All heavy atoms as atom14 arrays in JSON, in Angstrom:
{
  "sequence": "GYLFELERRGYLQAGSFVPEVALDNPEALK",
  "atom14_mask": [
    [1, 1, 1, 1, 0, 0, 0, 0, 0, 0, 0, 0, 0, 0],
    [1, 1, 1, 1, 1, 1, 1, 1, 1, 1, 1, 1, 0, 0],
    [1, 1, 1, 1, 1, 1, 1, 1, 0, 0, 0, 0, 0, 0],
    [1, 1, 1, 1, 1, 1, 1, 1, 1, 1, 1, 0, 0, 0],
    [1, 1, 1, 1, 1, 1, 1, 1, 1, 0, 0, 0, 0, 0],
    [1, 1, 1, 1, 1, 1, 1, 1, 0, 0, 0, 0, 0, 0],
    [1, 1, 1, 1, 1, 1, 1, 1, 1, 0, 0, 0, 0, 0],
    [1, 1, 1, 1, 1, 1, 1, 1, 1, 1, 1, 0, 0, 0],
    [1, 1, 1, 1, 1, 1, 1, 1, 1, 1, 1, 0, 0, 0],
    [1, 1, 1, 1, 0, 0, 0, 0, 0, 0, 0, 0, 0, 0],
    [1, 1, 1, 1, 1, 1, 1, 1, 1, 1, 1, 1, 0, 0],
    [1, 1, 1, 1, 1, 1, 1, 1, 0, 0, 0, 0, 0, 0],
    [1, 1, 1, 1, 1, 1, 1, 1, 1, 0, 0, 0, 0, 0],
    [1, 1, 1, 1, 1, 0, 0, 0, 0, 0, 0, 0, 0, 0],
    [1, 1, 1, 1, 0, 0, 0, 0, 0, 0, 0, 0, 0, 0],
    [1, 1, 1, 1, 1, 1, 0, 0, 0, 0, 0, 0, 0, 0],
    [1, 1, 1, 1, 1, 1, 1, 1, 1, 1, 1, 0, 0, 0],
    [1, 1, 1, 1, 1, 1, 1, 0, 0, 0, 0, 0, 0, 0],
    [1, 1, 1, 1, 1, 1, 1, 0, 0, 0, 0, 0, 0, 0],
    [1, 1, 1, 1, 1, 1, 1, 1, 1, 0, 0, 0, 0, 0],
    [1, 1, 1, 1, 1, 1, 1, 0, 0, 0, 0, 0, 0, 0],
    [1, 1, 1, 1, 1, 0, 0, 0, 0, 0, 0, 0, 0, 0],
    [1, 1, 1, 1, 1, 1, 1, 1, 0, 0, 0, 0, 0, 0],
    [1, 1, 1, 1, 1, 1, 1, 1, 0, 0, 0, 0, 0, 0],
    [1, 1, 1, 1, 1, 1, 1, 1, 0, 0, 0, 0, 0, 0],
    [1, 1, 1, 1, 1, 1, 1, 0, 0, 0, 0, 0, 0, 0],
    [1, 1, 1, 1, 1, 1, 1, 1, 1, 0, 0, 0, 0, 0],
    [1, 1, 1, 1, 1, 0, 0, 0, 0, 0, 0, 0, 0, 0],
    [1, 1, 1, 1, 1, 1, 1, 1, 0, 0, 0, 0, 0, 0],
    [1, 1, 1, 1, 1, 1, 1, 1, 1, 0, 0, 0, 0, 0]
  ],
  "atom14_positions": [
    [[108.54, 103.29, 113.26], [109.3, 104.49, 113.57], [109.24, 105.56, 112.51], [109.98, 106.54, 112.55], [0.0, 0.0, 0.0], [0.0, 0.0, 0.0], [0.0, 0.0, 0.0], [0.0, 0.0, 0.0], [0.0, 0.0, 0.0], [0.0, 0.0, 0.0], [0.0, 0.0, 0.0], [0.0, 0.0, 0.0], [0.0, 0.0, 0.0], [0.0, 0.0, 0.0]],
    [[108.41, 105.38, 111.49], [108.32, 106.38, 110.4], [107.92, 107.76, 110.93], [108.36, 108.8, 110.4], [107.3, 105.99, 109.38], [107.46, 104.66, 108.72], [106.36, 103.93, 108.31], [108.72, 104.1, 108.48], [106.47, 102.68, 107.69], [108.88, 102.87, 107.84], [107.72, 102.17, 107.45], [107.86, 100.95, 106.85], [0.0, 0.0, 0.0], [0.0, 0.0, 0.0]],
    [[107.12, 107.79, 111.96], [106.56, 109.06, 112.49], [107.66, 109.99, 112.86], [107.74, 111.15, 112.36], [105.65, 108.78, 113.68], [104.67, 109.86, 114.09], [103.52, 109.91, 113.14], [104.16, 109.58, 115.52], [0.0, 0.0, 0.0], [0.0, 0.0, 0.0], [0.0, 0.0, 0.0], [0.0, 0.0, 0.0], [0.0, 0.0, 0.0], [0.0, 0.0, 0.0]],
    [[108.58, 109.58, 113.74], [109.65, 110.45, 114.17], [110.69, 110.63, 113.06], [111.27, 111.7, 112.91], [110.34, 109.84, 115.4], [109.68, 110.16, 116.7], [108.31, 110.37, 116.79], [110.4, 110.24, 117.88], [107.69, 110.67, 117.99], [109.79, 110.54, 119.1], [108.42, 110.75, 119.16], [0.0, 0.0, 0.0], [0.0, 0.0, 0.0], [0.0, 0.0, 0.0]],
    [[110.92, 109.6, 112.28], [111.91, 109.68, 111.22], [111.53, 110.72, 110.16], [112.37, 111.55, 109.72], [112.13, 108.32, 110.55], [113.17, 108.33, 109.45], [114.58, 108.51, 109.94], [114.82, 108.44, 111.17], [115.47, 108.72, 109.08], [0.0, 0.0, 0.0], [0.0, 0.0, 0.0], [0.0, 0.0, 0.0], [0.0, 0.0, 0.0], [0.0, 0.0, 0.0]],
    [[110.29, 110.73, 109.75], [109.83, 111.7, 108.77], [109.74, 113.11, 109.34], [109.96, 114.09, 108.63], [108.5, 111.23, 108.16], [108.7, 110.17, 107.1], [107.44, 109.36, 106.91], [109.14, 110.8, 105.75], [0.0, 0.0, 0.0], [0.0, 0.0, 0.0], [0.0, 0.0, 0.0], [0.0, 0.0, 0.0], [0.0, 0.0, 0.0], [0.0, 0.0, 0.0]],
    [[109.47, 113.24, 110.64], [109.51, 114.54, 111.29], [110.95, 115.03, 111.29], [111.23, 116.21, 110.99], [108.98, 114.46, 112.69], [108.65, 115.82, 113.35], [109.83, 116.55, 113.93], [110.82, 115.85, 114.35], [109.82, 117.77, 114.03], [0.0, 0.0, 0.0], [0.0, 0.0, 0.0], [0.0, 0.0, 0.0], [0.0, 0.0, 0.0], [0.0, 0.0, 0.0]],
    [[111.89, 114.14, 111.6], [113.31, 114.48, 111.61], [113.79, 114.89, 110.24], [114.63, 115.77, 110.08], [114.11, 113.31, 112.15], [115.58, 113.54, 112.33], [116.19, 112.46, 113.23], [115.79, 111.12, 112.85], [115.5, 110.17, 113.73], [115.58, 110.4, 115.04], [115.19, 108.95, 113.33], [0.0, 0.0, 0.0], [0.0, 0.0, 0.0], [0.0, 0.0, 0.0]],
    [[113.26, 114.26, 109.22], [113.67, 114.55, 107.82], [112.95, 115.81, 107.28], [113.29, 116.27, 106.18], [113.36, 113.37, 106.91], [114.18, 112.14, 107.21], [113.94, 111.02, 106.21], [114.65, 109.78, 106.61], [114.83, 108.74, 105.82], [114.37, 108.78, 104.56], [115.44, 107.68, 106.26], [0.0, 0.0, 0.0], [0.0, 0.0, 0.0], [0.0, 0.0, 0.0]],
    [[111.99, 116.32, 108.03], [111.36, 117.56, 107.66], [110.07, 117.43, 106.88], [109.62, 118.43, 106.25], [0.0, 0.0, 0.0], [0.0, 0.0, 0.0], [0.0, 0.0, 0.0], [0.0, 0.0, 0.0], [0.0, 0.0, 0.0], [0.0, 0.0, 0.0], [0.0, 0.0, 0.0], [0.0, 0.0, 0.0], [0.0, 0.0, 0.0], [0.0, 0.0, 0.0]],
    [[109.41, 116.27, 106.94], [108.21, 116.03, 106.11], [106.95, 115.79, 106.95], [105.96, 115.33, 106.37], [108.46, 114.86, 105.18], [109.52, 115.11, 104.14], [110.79, 114.58, 104.3], [109.27, 115.9, 103.05], [111.78, 114.81, 103.36], [110.25, 116.14, 102.07], [111.51, 115.6, 102.25], [112.49, 115.84, 101.32], [0.0, 0.0, 0.0], [0.0, 0.0, 0.0]],
    [[106.99, 116.02, 108.24], [105.84, 115.73, 109.09], [105.85, 116.69, 110.28], [106.91, 117.01, 110.81], [105.9, 114.26, 109.54], [104.69, 113.7, 110.3], [104.46, 112.24, 109.87], [104.9, 113.77, 111.8], [0.0, 0.0, 0.0], [0.0, 0.0, 0.0], [0.0, 0.0, 0.0], [0.0, 0.0, 0.0], [0.0, 0.0, 0.0], [0.0, 0.0, 0.0]],
    [[104.69, 117.11, 110.69], [104.58, 118.05, 111.77], [104.45, 117.35, 113.13], [103.55, 116.56, 113.35], [103.36, 118.98, 111.6], [103.23, 120.05, 112.65], [102.01, 120.91, 112.46], [100.87, 120.41, 112.42], [102.21, 122.2, 112.3], [0.0, 0.0, 0.0], [0.0, 0.0, 0.0], [0.0, 0.0, 0.0], [0.0, 0.0, 0.0], [0.0, 0.0, 0.0]],
    [[105.42, 117.65, 114.05], [105.31, 117.15, 115.41], [104.14, 117.79, 116.1], [103.89, 119.0, 115.91], [106.61, 117.42, 116.18], [0.0, 0.0, 0.0], [0.0, 0.0, 0.0], [0.0, 0.0, 0.0], [0.0, 0.0, 0.0], [0.0, 0.0, 0.0], [0.0, 0.0, 0.0], [0.0, 0.0, 0.0], [0.0, 0.0, 0.0], [0.0, 0.0, 0.0]],
    [[103.43, 117.03, 116.88], [102.24, 117.56, 117.57], [101.0, 116.9, 117.0], [100.43, 116.02, 117.65], [0.0, 0.0, 0.0], [0.0, 0.0, 0.0], [0.0, 0.0, 0.0], [0.0, 0.0, 0.0], [0.0, 0.0, 0.0], [0.0, 0.0, 0.0], [0.0, 0.0, 0.0], [0.0, 0.0, 0.0], [0.0, 0.0, 0.0], [0.0, 0.0, 0.0]],
    [[100.6, 117.32, 115.83], [99.45, 116.67, 115.2], [99.82, 115.27, 114.74], [99.03, 114.32, 114.84], [98.95, 117.5, 114.03], [99.94, 117.65, 113.04], [0.0, 0.0, 0.0], [0.0, 0.0, 0.0], [0.0, 0.0, 0.0], [0.0, 0.0, 0.0], [0.0, 0.0, 0.0], [0.0, 0.0, 0.0], [0.0, 0.0, 0.0], [0.0, 0.0, 0.0]],
    [[101.05, 115.08, 114.25], [101.59, 113.77, 113.84], [100.63, 113.05, 112.91], [100.27, 111.89, 113.12], [101.85, 112.91, 115.09], [103.12, 113.27, 115.82], [103.1, 113.54, 117.18], [104.34, 113.3, 115.18], [104.26, 113.86, 117.85], [105.51, 113.6, 115.83], [105.46, 113.87, 117.19], [0.0, 0.0, 0.0], [0.0, 0.0, 0.0], [0.0, 0.0, 0.0]],
    [[100.19, 113.72, 111.84], [99.33, 113.11, 110.83], [100.17, 112.85, 109.58], [100.91, 113.73, 109.13], [98.14, 114.02, 110.5], [97.28, 113.4, 109.42], [97.3, 114.28, 111.76], [0.0, 0.0, 0.0], [0.0, 0.0, 0.0], [0.0, 0.0, 0.0], [0.0, 0.0, 0.0], [0.0, 0.0, 0.0], [0.0, 0.0, 0.0], [0.0, 0.0, 0.0]],
    [[100.12, 111.65, 109.02], [101.0, 111.27, 107.91], [100.57, 111.82, 106.55], [100.42, 111.07, 105.57], [100.94, 109.75, 107.93], [99.56, 109.44, 108.43], [99.29, 110.51, 109.47], [0.0, 0.0, 0.0], [0.0, 0.0, 0.0], [0.0, 0.0, 0.0], [0.0, 0.0, 0.0], [0.0, 0.0, 0.0], [0.0, 0.0, 0.0], [0.0, 0.0, 0.0]],
    [[100.42, 113.13, 106.46], [100.06, 113.77, 105.19], [101.14, 113.57, 104.12], [100.92, 113.82, 102.95], [99.79, 115.25, 105.42], [98.65, 115.56, 106.35], [98.49, 117.03, 106.63], [97.92, 117.76, 105.77], [99.03, 117.49, 107.68], [0.0, 0.0, 0.0], [0.0, 0.0, 0.0], [0.0, 0.0, 0.0], [0.0, 0.0, 0.0], [0.0, 0.0, 0.0]],
    [[102.31, 113.14, 104.58], [103.43, 112.95, 103.66], [103.08, 112.01, 102.52], [103.61, 112.13, 101.41], [104.67, 112.41, 104.44], [104.39, 111.06, 105.05], [105.9, 112.35, 103.56], [0.0, 0.0, 0.0], [0.0, 0.0, 0.0], [0.0, 0.0, 0.0], [0.0, 0.0, 0.0], [0.0, 0.0, 0.0], [0.0, 0.0, 0.0], [0.0, 0.0, 0.0]],
    [[102.17, 111.09, 102.73], [101.77, 110.14, 101.68], [101.2, 110.86, 100.45], [101.4, 110.43, 99.32], [100.73, 109.14, 102.22], [0.0, 0.0, 0.0], [0.0, 0.0, 0.0], [0.0, 0.0, 0.0], [0.0, 0.0, 0.0], [0.0, 0.0, 0.0], [0.0, 0.0, 0.0], [0.0, 0.0, 0.0], [0.0, 0.0, 0.0], [0.0, 0.0, 0.0]],
    [[100.56, 111.99, 100.69], [100.01, 112.79, 99.6], [100.9, 113.94, 99.22], [101.05, 114.29, 98.06], [98.61, 113.31, 100.01], [97.54, 112.25, 100.26], [96.26, 112.91, 100.74], [97.27, 111.44, 98.98], [0.0, 0.0, 0.0], [0.0, 0.0, 0.0], [0.0, 0.0, 0.0], [0.0, 0.0, 0.0], [0.0, 0.0, 0.0], [0.0, 0.0, 0.0]],
    [[101.54, 114.58, 100.25], [102.3, 115.8, 99.98], [103.68, 115.52, 99.43], [104.22, 116.26, 98.61], [102.46, 116.6, 101.28], [101.14, 117.14, 101.8], [100.15, 117.14, 101.03], [101.08, 117.54, 102.99], [0.0, 0.0, 0.0], [0.0, 0.0, 0.0], [0.0, 0.0, 0.0], [0.0, 0.0, 0.0], [0.0, 0.0, 0.0], [0.0, 0.0, 0.0]],
    [[104.33, 114.44, 99.91], [105.7, 114.1, 99.51], [105.85, 112.61, 99.35], [106.59, 111.97, 100.14], [106.71, 114.65, 100.55], [106.77, 116.17, 100.56], [107.39, 116.76, 99.67], [106.14, 116.79, 101.53], [0.0, 0.0, 0.0], [0.0, 0.0, 0.0], [0.0, 0.0, 0.0], [0.0, 0.0, 0.0], [0.0, 0.0, 0.0], [0.0, 0.0, 0.0]],
    [[105.2, 112.03, 98.39], [105.21, 110.59, 98.26], [106.62, 110.0, 98.08], [106.89, 108.88, 98.54], [104.29, 110.29, 97.06], [104.19, 111.58, 96.33], [104.32, 112.65, 97.38], [0.0, 0.0, 0.0], [0.0, 0.0, 0.0], [0.0, 0.0, 0.0], [0.0, 0.0, 0.0], [0.0, 0.0, 0.0], [0.0, 0.0, 0.0], [0.0, 0.0, 0.0]],
    [[107.5, 110.71, 97.37], [108.84, 110.19, 97.17], [109.61, 110.13, 98.48], [110.44, 109.23, 98.71], [109.58, 111.05, 96.15], [109.05, 110.86, 94.74], [109.04, 109.42, 94.26], [110.05, 108.72, 94.5], [108.03, 108.98, 93.69], [0.0, 0.0, 0.0], [0.0, 0.0, 0.0], [0.0, 0.0, 0.0], [0.0, 0.0, 0.0], [0.0, 0.0, 0.0]],
    [[109.37, 111.1, 99.36], [110.02, 111.04, 100.69], [109.54, 109.85, 101.49], [110.33, 109.16, 102.17], [109.72, 112.34, 101.46], [0.0, 0.0, 0.0], [0.0, 0.0, 0.0], [0.0, 0.0, 0.0], [0.0, 0.0, 0.0], [0.0, 0.0, 0.0], [0.0, 0.0, 0.0], [0.0, 0.0, 0.0], [0.0, 0.0, 0.0], [0.0, 0.0, 0.0]],
    [[108.25, 109.52, 101.38], [107.73, 108.37, 102.09], [108.28, 107.1, 101.5], [108.68, 106.17, 102.22], [106.21, 108.36, 102.06], [105.53, 107.2, 102.78], [105.98, 107.06, 104.21], [104.01, 107.32, 102.72], [0.0, 0.0, 0.0], [0.0, 0.0, 0.0], [0.0, 0.0, 0.0], [0.0, 0.0, 0.0], [0.0, 0.0, 0.0], [0.0, 0.0, 0.0]],
    [[108.34, 107.01, 100.19], [108.87, 105.82, 99.55], [110.33, 105.6, 99.95], [110.75, 104.45, 100.2], [108.77, 105.92, 98.02], [107.37, 105.67, 97.47], [107.37, 105.78, 95.94], [108.09, 104.61, 95.31], [107.95, 104.64, 93.81], [0.0, 0.0, 0.0], [0.0, 0.0, 0.0], [0.0, 0.0, 0.0], [0.0, 0.0, 0.0], [0.0, 0.0, 0.0]]
  ]
}
């Protein structure tokens, strides 16, 4: 469920749904 959760937290774009957060916001992913 990380996909929707990180979109809800503001760190992922709905639609493309690509987990760039690992590089862009690693602390948010952790």
